[in-house]
Amino acid sequence: TVIPGGSGDGNASGSANGDDILGCVNALLQGGPPSAAYCAYDMNADGVVNINDIAGFVTVLLGP
C-alpha cells in the first residue's frame, strides 16, 4: 500500500478519520522508522513527525 506523505491516513482506510488519531499520537510521541503510516502523519514533509505536524493533521482530520 502506498500512502502519500501528509495525507493523515496512516491506517490506509482511504481517508483521515478518528481511527488515525492514535497512530498519529504514537508517531508523534515514539517516532519510528520511515514507513507508509509514519509518512502519512508527516504533514509538512520534513522527514519527522513532530509538533509542527499537529495543525496539518487536525485540518485534514476535520476536513472541509
C-alpha atoms as a PDB file:
ATOM      1  CA  THR A   1       0.000   0.000   0.000  1.00  0.00           C
ATOM      2  CA  VAL A   2       1.306   3.424  -0.898  1.00  0.00           C
ATOM      3  CA  ILE A   3       0.166   6.212   1.376  1.00  0.00           C
ATOM      4  CA  PRO A   4       1.043   9.735   0.282  1.00  0.00           C
ATOM      5  CA  GLY A   5       3.025  11.777   2.761  1.00  0.00           C
ATOM      6  CA  GLY A   6       0.927  14.263   4.642  1.00  0.00           C
ATOM      7  CA  SER A   7      -2.384  12.551   3.978  1.00  0.00           C
ATOM      8  CA  GLY A   8      -3.112  11.854   7.651  1.00  0.00           C
ATOM      9  CA  ASP A   9      -4.404   8.414   6.627  1.00  0.00           C
ATOM     10  CA  GLY A  10      -1.868   6.266   8.434  1.00  0.00           C
ATOM     11  CA  ASN A  11      -4.045   3.166   8.523  1.00  0.00           C
ATOM     12  CA  ALA A  12      -4.720   3.285   4.747  1.00  0.00           C
ATOM     13  CA  SER A  13      -8.501   3.260   5.131  1.00  0.00           C
ATOM     14  CA  GLY A  14      -8.961   5.752   2.318  1.00  0.00           C
ATOM     15  CA  SER A  15      -9.405   8.867   4.440  1.00  0.00           C
ATOM     16  CA  ALA A  16      -8.102  10.503   7.590  1.00  0.00           C
ATOM     17  CA  ASN A  17     -10.587   9.860  10.360  1.00  0.00           C
ATOM     18  CA  GLY A  18     -10.856   9.166  14.082  1.00  0.00           C
ATOM     19  CA  ASP A  19      -9.157   5.801  13.620  1.00  0.00           C
ATOM     20  CA  ASP A  20      -5.948   7.643  12.672  1.00  0.00           C
ATOM     21  CA  ILE A  21      -5.693   9.720  15.851  1.00  0.00           C
ATOM     22  CA  LEU A  22      -3.940   7.066  17.961  1.00  0.00           C
ATOM     23  CA  GLY A  23      -1.476   6.298  15.172  1.00  0.00           C
ATOM     24  CA  CYS A  24      -0.618   9.958  14.797  1.00  0.00           C
ATOM     25  CA  VAL A  25      -0.144  10.395  18.544  1.00  0.00           C
ATOM     26  CA  ASN A  26       2.077   7.302  18.663  1.00  0.00           C
ATOM     27  CA  ALA A  27       4.189   8.588  15.755  1.00  0.00           C
ATOM     28  CA  LEU A  28       4.448  11.956  17.473  1.00  0.00           C
ATOM     29  CA  LEU A  29       5.492  10.544  20.854  1.00  0.00           C
ATOM     30  CA  GLN A  30       7.509   7.485  19.847  1.00  0.00           C
ATOM     31  CA  GLY A  31       8.876   8.397  16.438  1.00  0.00           C
ATOM     32  CA  GLY A  32       9.636   5.479  14.225  1.00  0.00           C
ATOM     33  CA  PRO A  33      11.357   4.281  11.129  1.00  0.00           C
ATOM     34  CA  PRO A  34      10.224   5.506   7.731  1.00  0.00           C
ATOM     35  CA  SER A  35       7.042   3.675   6.825  1.00  0.00           C
ATOM     36  CA  ALA A  36       3.869   4.427   4.944  1.00  0.00           C
ATOM     37  CA  ALA A  37       1.997   5.242   8.165  1.00  0.00           C
ATOM     38  CA  TYR A  38       4.803   7.408   9.540  1.00  0.00           C
ATOM     39  CA  CYS A  39       4.996   9.354   6.268  1.00  0.00           C
ATOM     40  CA  ALA A  40       1.214   9.849   6.276  1.00  0.00           C
ATOM     41  CA  TYR A  41       1.496  11.690   9.601  1.00  0.00           C
ATOM     42  CA  ASP A  42       4.429  13.848   8.428  1.00  0.00           C
ATOM     43  CA  MET A  43       2.113  16.639   7.361  1.00  0.00           C
ATOM     44  CA  ASN A  44       4.821  19.166   6.476  1.00  0.00           C
ATOM     45  CA  ALA A  45       7.082  16.648   4.689  1.00  0.00           C
ATOM     46  CA  ASP A  46      10.185  17.479   6.716  1.00  0.00           C
ATOM     47  CA  GLY A  47      11.044  13.834   7.409  1.00  0.00           C
ATOM     48  CA  VAL A  48       9.905  13.715  11.045  1.00  0.00           C
ATOM     49  CA  VAL A  49       6.584  13.650  12.850  1.00  0.00           C
ATOM     50  CA  ASN A  50       6.679  16.383  15.467  1.00  0.00           C
ATOM     51  CA  ILE A  51       4.665  19.224  16.954  1.00  0.00           C
ATOM     52  CA  ASN A  52       4.808  21.079  13.638  1.00  0.00           C
ATOM     53  CA  ASP A  53       2.592  18.393  12.074  1.00  0.00           C
ATOM     54  CA  ILE A  54      -0.305  18.669  14.534  1.00  0.00           C
ATOM     55  CA  ALA A  55      -2.124  21.600  12.916  1.00  0.00           C
ATOM     56  CA  GLY A  56      -1.965  19.969   9.487  1.00  0.00           C
ATOM     57  CA  PHE A  57      -3.231  16.665  10.834  1.00  0.00           C
ATOM     58  CA  VAL A  58      -6.156  18.308  12.616  1.00  0.00           C
ATOM     59  CA  THR A  59      -7.038  20.268   9.476  1.00  0.00           C
ATOM     60  CA  VAL A  60      -7.106  17.087   7.360  1.00  0.00           C
ATOM     61  CA  LEU A  61      -8.950  15.185  10.084  1.00  0.00           C
ATOM     62  CA  LEU A  62     -11.723  17.781  10.326  1.00  0.00           C
ATOM     63  CA  GLY A  63     -11.979  18.100   6.548  1.00  0.00           C
ATOM     64  CA  PRO A  64     -13.557  20.882   4.558  1.00  0.00           C
END
